[in-house]
Structures are given as C-alpha cells and as structure tokens.
Amino acid sequence: MSMIGNFKTTSDADIAALLEKPKRIEKFLYGQEFSIEPEKKTFFGFFKDKASKETDYWMPNDSGEEMDIDKAWQCIHFLLSGKSEDIENPLGFILSGGELIGDVDLGYSPARAFTSTQVKAIHQALSALDESELQSRCIPEEFKKNEIYPDIWDDDFNESFEYILSYLDDLKTFIATASENGKALVVYIN
C-alpha cells in the first residue's frame, strides 16, 4: 500500500472548528457524517442504550483546493529540509509543524493544521529556496542511507529526480496560490 502526501486549503475559521472538534476532519476531508456520542452497550452488550446523540451539523465555510504529491512527500521533505525526520521550521511543513488535529488517524497519522499566517511563512521559505542547494542534496546514496520513501533510488536516478521535482514545482505553486488567497492549510498522509 502506498503512502500519499495530501494538502487541502481552507479558512482560518475552518481550522479553528477542526481544532475544536477534531473528529470533524473526516467530514472535512471525506464528507462523512459522525455523532459525538456513540451507542452505549448495557447488560453485557445484549441491549443497547441509545444515548442521546448530539449530531454535529458543522459544514466547512471553505471547500478548499486539494492536491497530493503522490509518494514523493518524504523525498520533497528531505530536499527542503536536508533531514529525513521532523524539523521545526517552515520548510519542514510536510512532516512537522502546524497543530495536530486531535488524534484522528487518517491512515498514517493525524492531520496537521496551518493558519494562513503560517502558510505565508511557508510560501516565503519556499520562494527563498536556492536551487543549487536542492541540487546538492540530490545524492542517491543519501536517499538510500536515510531510507527515504519511496525506495526508487536504484532505478534511473534522473527519472526519479524528475518525478520529485515535478511534484515540488506543483506544491510550490499550490502554496503560493494559498498564500496569495489568505488560505489556511491541512496536511496529512494517507
């Protein structure tokens, strides 16, 4: 099964609503309805007491734009940050930073939320990237040594690198547009 890096823009108000009730992330991303109170089982599970359910009728204010970077998420993170693990700076936004949206597992971890102010900082950091520094980090042996996902480094490296760069270019454009439009961002891997 593949691990796919995903991004979805929204409003700061929607981010606040998601942080208030993290279970809303499923509705936000997948359109699923949920109830706050689950059914309560009584008498050894033979009878179910239908607890009064409080239905959450929240709907996002902003349907947002979405994009994914396929399996290139860790490669891009490594190129941006020079690290395979989490790093606390705007260029580490694929794997770290922002605020966890509760503990709702979306496949490989909970989603993280970035405010519109944080998206602007990410955009500024991406805009200031030095292409020669990125090129210097493109060493197949370093990708292998750091076990960077996906394991495509024994294949034609030029083709693999083009795959990564095409998604990085798309991501930079996506973040630039989000920043220009004052959007917040949700990042998750599923």
N, C-alpha and C. Protein backbone atom coordinates (compact mmCIF):
# COMPACT_ATOMS: atom_id res chain seq x y z
N MET A 1 0.84 -1.17 0.00
CA MET A 1 0.00 0.00 0.00
C MET A 1 0.89 1.24 0.00
N SER A 2 0.51 2.23 -0.76
CA SER A 2 1.29 3.46 -0.89
C SER A 2 0.92 4.48 0.17
N MET A 3 1.89 5.31 0.51
CA MET A 3 1.67 6.44 1.41
C MET A 3 1.67 7.70 0.55
N ILE A 4 0.56 8.43 0.57
CA ILE A 4 0.39 9.59 -0.29
C ILE A 4 0.34 10.86 0.57
N GLY A 5 1.12 11.87 0.19
CA GLY A 5 1.11 13.16 0.88
C GLY A 5 0.02 14.04 0.31
N ASN A 6 -0.85 14.59 1.17
CA ASN A 6 -2.02 15.37 0.76
C ASN A 6 -2.04 16.74 1.41
N PHE A 7 -2.62 17.69 0.68
CA PHE A 7 -2.74 19.06 1.14
C PHE A 7 -4.13 19.58 0.75
N LYS A 8 -4.76 20.30 1.66
CA LYS A 8 -6.06 20.91 1.37
C LYS A 8 -6.12 22.29 2.01
N THR A 9 -6.49 23.28 1.21
CA THR A 9 -6.62 24.64 1.73
C THR A 9 -8.00 24.81 2.35
N THR A 10 -8.09 25.78 3.22
CA THR A 10 -9.36 26.12 3.87
C THR A 10 -9.22 27.49 4.49
N SER A 11 -10.16 27.86 5.33
CA SER A 11 -10.11 29.16 6.01
C SER A 11 -9.59 28.98 7.43
N ASP A 12 -9.15 30.08 8.02
CA ASP A 12 -8.73 30.04 9.42
C ASP A 12 -9.89 29.65 10.33
N ALA A 13 -11.11 30.08 9.99
CA ALA A 13 -12.30 29.71 10.77
C ALA A 13 -12.52 28.21 10.74
N ASP A 14 -12.32 27.57 9.58
CA ASP A 14 -12.48 26.12 9.49
C ASP A 14 -11.39 25.41 10.30
N ILE A 15 -10.18 25.94 10.29
CA ILE A 15 -9.10 25.35 11.09
C ILE A 15 -9.49 25.39 12.57
N ALA A 16 -10.02 26.54 13.02
CA ALA A 16 -10.44 26.66 14.43
C ALA A 16 -11.53 25.64 14.76
N ALA A 17 -12.47 25.43 13.83
CA ALA A 17 -13.55 24.46 14.05
C ALA A 17 -13.01 23.04 14.09
N LEU A 18 -12.03 22.73 13.26
CA LEU A 18 -11.42 21.39 13.26
C LEU A 18 -10.64 21.15 14.55
N LEU A 19 -9.95 22.16 15.02
CA LEU A 19 -9.19 22.02 16.26
C LEU A 19 -10.12 21.91 17.47
N GLU A 20 -11.27 22.57 17.39
CA GLU A 20 -12.26 22.50 18.47
C GLU A 20 -12.83 21.09 18.59
N LYS A 21 -13.17 20.48 17.45
CA LYS A 21 -13.73 19.12 17.43
C LYS A 21 -13.01 18.34 16.34
N PRO A 22 -11.90 17.70 16.69
CA PRO A 22 -11.05 17.03 15.70
C PRO A 22 -11.75 15.97 14.86
N LYS A 23 -12.78 15.34 15.36
CA LYS A 23 -13.48 14.31 14.59
C LYS A 23 -14.07 14.90 13.30
N ARG A 24 -14.22 16.22 13.25
CA ARG A 24 -14.74 16.88 12.05
C ARG A 24 -13.83 16.69 10.84
N ILE A 25 -12.57 16.31 11.08
CA ILE A 25 -11.63 16.16 9.97
C ILE A 25 -12.14 15.15 8.96
N GLU A 26 -12.83 14.11 9.42
CA GLU A 26 -13.36 13.10 8.50
C GLU A 26 -14.41 13.71 7.58
N LYS A 27 -15.25 14.56 8.14
CA LYS A 27 -16.26 15.24 7.33
C LYS A 27 -15.59 16.23 6.37
N PHE A 28 -14.60 16.94 6.88
CA PHE A 28 -13.90 17.93 6.08
C PHE A 28 -13.20 17.29 4.87
N LEU A 29 -12.55 16.18 5.10
CA LEU A 29 -11.79 15.54 4.03
C LEU A 29 -12.60 14.57 3.18
N TYR A 30 -13.50 13.83 3.84
CA TYR A 30 -14.17 12.73 3.15
C TYR A 30 -15.69 12.86 3.07
N GLY A 31 -16.25 13.91 3.69
CA GLY A 31 -17.68 14.11 3.65
C GLY A 31 -18.47 13.16 4.54
N GLN A 32 -17.82 12.51 5.50
CA GLN A 32 -18.50 11.54 6.36
C GLN A 32 -19.18 12.24 7.52
N GLU A 33 -20.38 11.76 7.82
CA GLU A 33 -21.13 12.24 8.97
C GLU A 33 -20.67 11.47 10.20
N PHE A 34 -20.82 12.04 11.35
CA PHE A 34 -20.49 11.34 12.57
C PHE A 34 -21.33 11.89 13.70
N SER A 35 -21.42 11.15 14.79
CA SER A 35 -22.11 11.59 16.00
C SER A 35 -21.08 11.71 17.11
N ILE A 36 -21.32 12.62 17.98
CA ILE A 36 -20.38 12.85 19.07
C ILE A 36 -20.47 11.73 20.10
N GLU A 37 -21.67 11.28 20.44
CA GLU A 37 -21.87 10.22 21.43
C GLU A 37 -22.11 8.89 20.74
N PRO A 38 -21.27 7.87 21.00
CA PRO A 38 -21.53 6.55 20.44
C PRO A 38 -22.63 5.85 21.23
N GLU A 39 -23.16 4.77 20.65
CA GLU A 39 -24.15 3.97 21.37
C GLU A 39 -23.49 3.38 22.60
N LYS A 40 -24.23 3.31 23.69
CA LYS A 40 -23.72 2.70 24.91
C LYS A 40 -24.29 1.30 25.02
N LYS A 41 -23.43 0.33 25.29
CA LYS A 41 -23.87 -1.04 25.49
C LYS A 41 -24.14 -1.25 26.97
N THR A 42 -25.21 -1.96 27.26
CA THR A 42 -25.53 -2.26 28.65
C THR A 42 -25.79 -3.74 28.80
N PHE A 43 -25.83 -4.20 30.02
CA PHE A 43 -26.14 -5.59 30.35
C PHE A 43 -25.33 -6.55 29.50
N PHE A 44 -24.03 -6.46 29.63
CA PHE A 44 -23.08 -7.31 28.91
C PHE A 44 -23.21 -7.23 27.40
N GLY A 45 -23.66 -6.11 26.90
CA GLY A 45 -23.75 -5.91 25.46
C GLY A 45 -24.98 -6.49 24.81
N PHE A 46 -25.90 -7.06 25.59
CA PHE A 46 -27.09 -7.66 24.99
C PHE A 46 -28.11 -6.61 24.58
N PHE A 47 -28.16 -5.53 25.28
CA PHE A 47 -29.09 -4.46 24.95
C PHE A 47 -28.27 -3.20 24.71
N LYS A 48 -28.72 -2.45 23.80
CA LYS A 48 -28.02 -1.20 23.52
C LYS A 48 -28.89 -0.05 23.97
N ASP A 49 -28.30 0.81 24.74
CA ASP A 49 -28.99 2.00 25.18
C ASP A 49 -28.58 3.11 24.21
N LYS A 50 -29.55 3.57 23.46
CA LYS A 50 -29.24 4.63 22.51
C LYS A 50 -29.06 5.92 23.29
N ALA A 51 -27.83 6.26 23.51
CA ALA A 51 -27.53 7.51 24.22
C ALA A 51 -28.00 8.67 23.36
N SER A 52 -28.36 9.73 24.01
CA SER A 52 -28.78 10.88 23.22
C SER A 52 -27.56 11.33 22.41
N LYS A 53 -27.73 11.31 21.12
CA LYS A 53 -26.62 11.68 20.23
C LYS A 53 -26.74 13.15 19.87
N GLU A 54 -25.62 13.80 19.98
CA GLU A 54 -25.57 15.19 19.56
C GLU A 54 -24.94 15.19 18.17
N THR A 55 -25.77 15.42 17.18
CA THR A 55 -25.25 15.44 15.82
C THR A 55 -24.56 16.76 15.57
N ASP A 56 -23.42 16.69 14.97
CA ASP A 56 -22.65 17.88 14.65
C ASP A 56 -22.99 18.28 13.22
N TYR A 57 -23.69 19.38 13.06
CA TYR A 57 -24.12 19.82 11.73
C TYR A 57 -23.11 20.77 11.09
N TRP A 58 -21.92 20.85 11.65
CA TRP A 58 -20.90 21.74 11.12
C TRP A 58 -20.60 21.40 9.66
N MET A 59 -20.45 22.45 8.89
CA MET A 59 -20.01 22.33 7.49
C MET A 59 -18.87 23.32 7.30
N PRO A 60 -17.86 22.94 6.55
CA PRO A 60 -16.76 23.88 6.30
C PRO A 60 -17.26 25.13 5.58
N ASN A 61 -16.69 26.28 5.95
CA ASN A 61 -17.00 27.53 5.25
C ASN A 61 -16.35 27.57 3.88
N ASP A 62 -15.25 26.86 3.76
CA ASP A 62 -14.43 26.92 2.56
C ASP A 62 -14.17 25.50 2.07
N SER A 63 -14.66 25.18 0.89
CA SER A 63 -14.48 23.82 0.37
C SER A 63 -13.03 23.55 0.00
N GLY A 64 -12.26 24.58 -0.20
CA GLY A 64 -10.82 24.44 -0.39
C GLY A 64 -10.39 23.78 -1.69
N GLU A 65 -9.12 23.90 -1.93
CA GLU A 65 -8.47 23.24 -3.07
C GLU A 65 -7.62 22.10 -2.51
N GLU A 66 -7.49 21.04 -3.28
CA GLU A 66 -6.72 19.88 -2.83
C GLU A 66 -5.64 19.54 -3.83
N MET A 67 -4.60 18.94 -3.32
CA MET A 67 -3.57 18.37 -4.17
C MET A 67 -2.85 17.28 -3.40
N ASP A 68 -2.25 16.38 -4.13
CA ASP A 68 -1.39 15.40 -3.48
C ASP A 68 -0.05 15.39 -4.22
N ILE A 69 0.95 14.91 -3.52
CA ILE A 69 2.29 14.81 -4.12
C ILE A 69 2.70 13.35 -4.19
N ASP A 70 1.69 12.51 -4.33
CA ASP A 70 1.89 11.08 -4.52
C ASP A 70 2.86 10.56 -3.45
N LYS A 71 3.76 9.71 -3.83
CA LYS A 71 4.72 9.11 -2.89
C LYS A 71 5.98 9.96 -2.73
N ALA A 72 6.00 11.15 -3.28
CA ALA A 72 7.20 12.00 -3.24
C ALA A 72 7.30 12.83 -1.96
N TRP A 73 6.40 12.67 -1.04
CA TRP A 73 6.35 13.54 0.15
C TRP A 73 7.63 13.50 0.98
N GLN A 74 8.20 12.33 1.26
CA GLN A 74 9.41 12.29 2.09
C GLN A 74 10.63 12.77 1.29
N CYS A 75 10.65 12.48 0.00
CA CYS A 75 11.74 12.98 -0.85
C CYS A 75 11.77 14.50 -0.84
N ILE A 76 10.59 15.09 -1.01
CA ILE A 76 10.50 16.55 -1.04
C ILE A 76 10.88 17.11 0.33
N HIS A 77 10.39 16.49 1.39
CA HIS A 77 10.77 16.94 2.73
C HIS A 77 12.29 16.91 2.89
N PHE A 78 12.91 15.83 2.44
CA PHE A 78 14.37 15.70 2.55
C PHE A 78 15.08 16.78 1.74
N LEU A 79 14.60 17.06 0.54
CA LEU A 79 15.21 18.12 -0.27
C LEU A 79 15.04 19.49 0.38
N LEU A 80 13.87 19.74 0.93
CA LEU A 80 13.60 21.05 1.53
C LEU A 80 14.37 21.27 2.82
N SER A 81 14.44 20.22 3.64
CA SER A 81 14.99 20.40 4.98
C SER A 81 16.39 19.84 5.18
N GLY A 82 16.80 18.92 4.29
CA GLY A 82 18.08 18.26 4.47
C GLY A 82 18.05 17.19 5.54
N LYS A 83 16.84 16.89 6.05
CA LYS A 83 16.67 15.90 7.11
C LYS A 83 15.60 14.89 6.69
N SER A 84 15.71 13.66 7.21
CA SER A 84 14.69 12.66 6.93
C SER A 84 13.58 12.69 7.98
N GLU A 85 13.88 13.29 9.13
CA GLU A 85 12.91 13.33 10.21
C GLU A 85 12.26 14.71 10.31
N ASP A 86 11.40 14.85 11.31
CA ASP A 86 10.72 16.13 11.54
C ASP A 86 11.74 17.23 11.77
N ILE A 87 11.37 18.43 11.35
CA ILE A 87 12.21 19.60 11.59
C ILE A 87 11.29 20.80 11.79
N GLU A 88 11.55 21.55 12.81
CA GLU A 88 10.68 22.66 13.16
C GLU A 88 11.12 23.95 12.46
N ASN A 89 10.76 24.09 11.23
CA ASN A 89 10.88 25.36 10.52
C ASN A 89 9.90 25.29 9.36
N PRO A 90 9.62 26.39 8.72
CA PRO A 90 8.59 26.36 7.67
C PRO A 90 8.84 25.33 6.57
N LEU A 91 10.10 25.02 6.27
CA LEU A 91 10.37 24.05 5.21
C LEU A 91 10.15 22.60 5.65
N GLY A 92 9.86 22.39 6.92
CA GLY A 92 9.56 21.06 7.43
C GLY A 92 8.07 20.77 7.46
N PHE A 93 7.25 21.61 6.82
CA PHE A 93 5.80 21.54 6.94
C PHE A 93 5.18 20.23 6.46
N ILE A 94 5.86 19.47 5.63
CA ILE A 94 5.28 18.21 5.15
C ILE A 94 5.20 17.19 6.28
N LEU A 95 6.19 17.17 7.16
CA LEU A 95 6.22 16.19 8.26
C LEU A 95 6.04 16.78 9.65
N SER A 96 6.16 18.08 9.79
CA SER A 96 6.08 18.65 11.13
C SER A 96 5.54 20.07 11.08
N GLY A 97 5.35 20.63 12.27
CA GLY A 97 4.84 21.98 12.37
C GLY A 97 3.33 22.01 12.35
N GLY A 98 2.80 23.20 12.42
CA GLY A 98 1.37 23.35 12.50
C GLY A 98 0.86 22.80 13.82
N GLU A 99 -0.42 22.47 13.86
CA GLU A 99 -1.03 21.91 15.07
C GLU A 99 -1.77 20.64 14.71
N LEU A 100 -1.52 19.58 15.48
CA LEU A 100 -2.22 18.32 15.25
C LEU A 100 -3.72 18.52 15.41
N ILE A 101 -4.48 17.95 14.49
CA ILE A 101 -5.93 18.00 14.59
C ILE A 101 -6.35 16.75 15.36
N GLY A 102 -6.25 16.84 16.67
CA GLY A 102 -6.60 15.73 17.55
C GLY A 102 -5.74 14.50 17.30
N ASP A 103 -6.35 13.35 17.53
CA ASP A 103 -5.63 12.09 17.33
C ASP A 103 -6.37 11.19 16.34
N VAL A 104 -7.11 11.79 15.43
CA VAL A 104 -7.85 11.04 14.41
C VAL A 104 -6.86 10.57 13.35
N ASP A 105 -6.61 9.27 13.31
CA ASP A 105 -5.65 8.70 12.37
C ASP A 105 -6.27 8.64 10.98
N LEU A 106 -5.63 9.26 10.03
CA LEU A 106 -6.16 9.30 8.65
C LEU A 106 -5.46 8.29 7.74
N GLY A 107 -4.75 7.39 8.31
CA GLY A 107 -4.05 6.37 7.54
C GLY A 107 -2.67 6.13 8.09
N TYR A 108 -1.91 7.20 8.27
CA TYR A 108 -0.56 7.07 8.80
C TYR A 108 -0.28 8.02 9.95
N SER A 109 -1.21 8.90 10.23
CA SER A 109 -1.06 9.83 11.34
C SER A 109 -2.23 10.80 11.30
N PRO A 110 -2.39 11.60 12.36
CA PRO A 110 -3.40 12.65 12.31
C PRO A 110 -2.99 13.76 11.34
N ALA A 111 -3.96 14.53 10.92
CA ALA A 111 -3.69 15.70 10.07
C ALA A 111 -3.11 16.81 10.93
N ARG A 112 -2.45 17.74 10.25
CA ARG A 112 -1.92 18.94 10.92
C ARG A 112 -2.49 20.16 10.24
N ALA A 113 -2.74 21.19 11.04
CA ALA A 113 -3.34 22.42 10.55
C ALA A 113 -2.34 23.57 10.61
N PHE A 114 -2.34 24.36 9.56
CA PHE A 114 -1.50 25.56 9.48
C PHE A 114 -2.42 26.75 9.22
N THR A 115 -2.26 27.80 9.98
CA THR A 115 -3.06 29.01 9.78
C THR A 115 -2.59 29.73 8.51
N SER A 116 -3.37 30.69 8.09
CA SER A 116 -2.99 31.46 6.89
C SER A 116 -1.66 32.19 7.11
N THR A 117 -1.39 32.62 8.33
CA THR A 117 -0.11 33.28 8.63
C THR A 117 1.03 32.30 8.46
N GLN A 118 0.85 31.07 8.93
CA GLN A 118 1.88 30.04 8.78
C GLN A 118 2.07 29.67 7.30
N VAL A 119 0.98 29.66 6.53
CA VAL A 119 1.08 29.36 5.10
C VAL A 119 1.92 30.44 4.40
N LYS A 120 1.74 31.69 4.80
CA LYS A 120 2.57 32.77 4.23
C LYS A 120 4.05 32.54 4.54
N ALA A 121 4.35 32.11 5.75
CA ALA A 121 5.75 31.84 6.13
C ALA A 121 6.30 30.67 5.32
N ILE A 122 5.49 29.64 5.09
CA ILE A 122 5.91 28.51 4.26
C ILE A 122 6.19 28.98 2.84
N HIS A 123 5.29 29.81 2.32
CA HIS A 123 5.47 30.33 0.95
C HIS A 123 6.76 31.15 0.85
N GLN A 124 7.02 32.00 1.84
CA GLN A 124 8.25 32.80 1.81
C GLN A 124 9.49 31.91 1.85
N ALA A 125 9.46 30.86 2.66
CA ALA A 125 10.60 29.95 2.76
C ALA A 125 10.80 29.20 1.44
N LEU A 126 9.70 28.75 0.83
CA LEU A 126 9.80 28.05 -0.46
C LEU A 126 10.32 28.99 -1.55
N SER A 127 9.87 30.25 -1.51
CA SER A 127 10.31 31.23 -2.52
C SER A 127 11.79 31.55 -2.41
N ALA A 128 12.32 31.43 -1.21
CA ALA A 128 13.73 31.76 -0.98
C ALA A 128 14.66 30.58 -1.23
N LEU A 129 14.11 29.46 -1.66
CA LEU A 129 14.95 28.26 -1.89
C LEU A 129 16.02 28.52 -2.92
N ASP A 130 17.17 28.02 -2.64
CA ASP A 130 18.29 28.09 -3.56
C ASP A 130 18.32 26.78 -4.35
N GLU A 131 18.09 26.87 -5.65
CA GLU A 131 18.03 25.67 -6.49
C GLU A 131 19.34 24.87 -6.45
N SER A 132 20.47 25.56 -6.32
CA SER A 132 21.74 24.83 -6.26
C SER A 132 21.86 24.03 -4.97
N GLU A 133 21.27 24.55 -3.88
CA GLU A 133 21.28 23.80 -2.62
C GLU A 133 20.42 22.54 -2.76
N LEU A 134 19.28 22.68 -3.43
CA LEU A 134 18.44 21.50 -3.68
C LEU A 134 19.20 20.46 -4.50
N GLN A 135 19.87 20.93 -5.54
CA GLN A 135 20.64 20.02 -6.39
C GLN A 135 21.71 19.30 -5.59
N SER A 136 22.32 20.02 -4.65
CA SER A 136 23.40 19.41 -3.87
C SER A 136 22.89 18.31 -2.95
N ARG A 137 21.62 18.33 -2.64
CA ARG A 137 21.03 17.30 -1.78
C ARG A 137 20.54 16.09 -2.56
N CYS A 138 20.64 16.14 -3.86
CA CYS A 138 20.14 15.06 -4.72
C CYS A 138 21.23 14.02 -4.95
N ILE A 139 21.51 13.28 -3.92
CA ILE A 139 22.53 12.25 -3.98
C ILE A 139 21.85 10.92 -3.68
N PRO A 140 21.78 10.03 -4.68
CA PRO A 140 21.07 8.75 -4.47
C PRO A 140 21.52 8.00 -3.23
N GLU A 141 22.80 8.03 -2.92
CA GLU A 141 23.31 7.31 -1.76
C GLU A 141 22.74 7.89 -0.46
N GLU A 142 22.54 9.21 -0.43
CA GLU A 142 21.96 9.85 0.76
C GLU A 142 20.49 9.45 0.92
N PHE A 143 19.77 9.36 -0.19
CA PHE A 143 18.37 8.91 -0.12
C PHE A 143 18.32 7.48 0.41
N LYS A 144 19.19 6.64 -0.09
CA LYS A 144 19.24 5.24 0.37
C LYS A 144 19.63 5.17 1.84
N LYS A 145 20.70 5.87 2.20
CA LYS A 145 21.22 5.84 3.57
C LYS A 145 20.15 6.29 4.56
N ASN A 146 19.36 7.28 4.20
CA ASN A 146 18.33 7.82 5.07
C ASN A 146 16.98 7.12 4.90
N GLU A 147 16.96 6.08 4.07
CA GLU A 147 15.74 5.28 3.82
C GLU A 147 14.56 6.18 3.45
N ILE A 148 14.80 7.03 2.48
CA ILE A 148 13.78 7.97 2.03
C ILE A 148 12.75 7.24 1.18
N TYR A 149 11.49 7.43 1.54
CA TYR A 149 10.36 6.83 0.83
C TYR A 149 10.07 7.64 -0.42
N PRO A 150 9.69 7.04 -1.53
CA PRO A 150 9.66 5.61 -1.82
C PRO A 150 11.04 5.12 -2.24
N ASP A 151 11.26 3.87 -2.11
CA ASP A 151 12.57 3.28 -2.42
C ASP A 151 12.72 3.10 -3.93
N ILE A 152 13.03 4.20 -4.61
CA ILE A 152 13.18 4.17 -6.08
C ILE A 152 14.59 4.57 -6.50
N TRP A 153 15.50 4.55 -5.55
CA TRP A 153 16.82 5.12 -5.81
C TRP A 153 17.76 4.19 -6.57
N ASP A 154 17.38 2.93 -6.74
CA ASP A 154 18.18 2.03 -7.58
C ASP A 154 17.78 2.11 -9.04
N ASP A 155 16.63 2.73 -9.29
CA ASP A 155 16.16 2.92 -10.66
C ASP A 155 16.97 4.05 -11.30
N ASP A 156 16.56 4.48 -12.46
CA ASP A 156 17.20 5.61 -13.14
C ASP A 156 17.03 6.85 -12.27
N PHE A 157 18.12 7.33 -11.65
CA PHE A 157 18.01 8.43 -10.70
C PHE A 157 17.52 9.71 -11.37
N ASN A 158 17.93 9.97 -12.60
CA ASN A 158 17.46 11.18 -13.28
C ASN A 158 15.95 11.16 -13.43
N GLU A 159 15.40 10.01 -13.76
CA GLU A 159 13.94 9.89 -13.88
C GLU A 159 13.28 10.06 -12.51
N SER A 160 13.87 9.45 -11.49
CA SER A 160 13.34 9.58 -10.13
C SER A 160 13.39 11.04 -9.67
N PHE A 161 14.50 11.72 -9.98
CA PHE A 161 14.63 13.11 -9.58
C PHE A 161 13.63 14.00 -10.31
N GLU A 162 13.36 13.73 -11.57
CA GLU A 162 12.35 14.48 -12.32
C GLU A 162 10.96 14.30 -11.70
N TYR A 163 10.68 13.08 -11.26
CA TYR A 163 9.41 12.77 -10.57
C TYR A 163 9.27 13.66 -9.33
N ILE A 164 10.33 13.75 -8.54
CA ILE A 164 10.31 14.55 -7.31
C ILE A 164 10.14 16.04 -7.65
N LEU A 165 10.95 16.53 -8.59
CA LEU A 165 10.91 17.95 -8.93
C LEU A 165 9.57 18.39 -9.50
N SER A 166 8.93 17.52 -10.27
CA SER A 166 7.63 17.91 -10.83
C SER A 166 6.61 18.11 -9.70
N TYR A 167 6.63 17.24 -8.71
CA TYR A 167 5.71 17.42 -7.58
C TYR A 167 6.12 18.60 -6.72
N LEU A 168 7.41 18.85 -6.56
CA LEU A 168 7.86 20.01 -5.79
C LEU A 168 7.40 21.30 -6.47
N ASP A 169 7.53 21.39 -7.78
CA ASP A 169 7.07 22.58 -8.51
C ASP A 169 5.57 22.78 -8.33
N ASP A 170 4.80 21.69 -8.43
CA ASP A 170 3.35 21.78 -8.24
C ASP A 170 3.02 22.24 -6.82
N LEU A 171 3.74 21.71 -5.84
CA LEU A 171 3.50 22.08 -4.45
C LEU A 171 3.83 23.55 -4.21
N LYS A 172 4.92 24.03 -4.76
CA LYS A 172 5.29 25.44 -4.61
C LYS A 172 4.20 26.34 -5.18
N THR A 173 3.66 25.98 -6.34
CA THR A 173 2.58 26.76 -6.95
C THR A 173 1.33 26.72 -6.08
N PHE A 174 1.00 25.54 -5.57
CA PHE A 174 -0.18 25.36 -4.72
C PHE A 174 -0.06 26.23 -3.46
N ILE A 175 1.10 26.20 -2.80
CA ILE A 175 1.32 27.00 -1.58
C ILE A 175 1.32 28.49 -1.91
N ALA A 176 1.89 28.88 -3.04
CA ALA A 176 1.89 30.30 -3.44
C ALA A 176 0.46 30.80 -3.62
N THR A 177 -0.36 30.02 -4.29
CA THR A 177 -1.76 30.40 -4.52
C THR A 177 -2.50 30.48 -3.19
N ALA A 178 -2.28 29.51 -2.32
CA ALA A 178 -2.92 29.53 -1.00
C ALA A 178 -2.51 30.79 -0.22
N SER A 179 -1.24 31.11 -0.25
CA SER A 179 -0.75 32.29 0.46
C SER A 179 -1.35 33.57 -0.10
N GLU A 180 -1.37 33.69 -1.41
CA GLU A 180 -1.94 34.88 -2.06
C GLU A 180 -3.41 35.06 -1.74
N ASN A 181 -4.13 33.95 -1.54
CA ASN A 181 -5.56 34.00 -1.26
C ASN A 181 -5.88 33.98 0.23
N GLY A 182 -4.86 34.06 1.08
CA GLY A 182 -5.07 34.10 2.51
C GLY A 182 -5.66 32.82 3.09
N LYS A 183 -5.26 31.68 2.53
CA LYS A 183 -5.82 30.39 2.95
C LYS A 183 -4.97 29.73 4.04
N ALA A 184 -5.65 28.94 4.83
CA ALA A 184 -5.00 28.05 5.80
C ALA A 184 -4.80 26.71 5.10
N LEU A 185 -4.16 25.76 5.78
CA LEU A 185 -3.78 24.52 5.14
C LEU A 185 -3.89 23.33 6.08
N VAL A 186 -4.36 22.20 5.54
CA VAL A 186 -4.36 20.93 6.25
C VAL A 186 -3.43 20.00 5.50
N VAL A 187 -2.54 19.34 6.23
CA VAL A 187 -1.55 18.42 5.65
C VAL A 187 -1.75 17.05 6.30
N TYR A 188 -1.80 16.00 5.47
CA TYR A 188 -1.95 14.65 6.01
C TYR A 188 -1.41 13.62 5.04
N ILE A 189 -1.07 12.45 5.58
CA ILE A 189 -0.57 11.34 4.78
C ILE A 189 -1.56 10.19 4.94
N ASN A 190 -2.02 9.69 3.80
CA ASN A 190 -2.93 8.53 3.88
C ASN A 190 -2.54 7.50 2.86
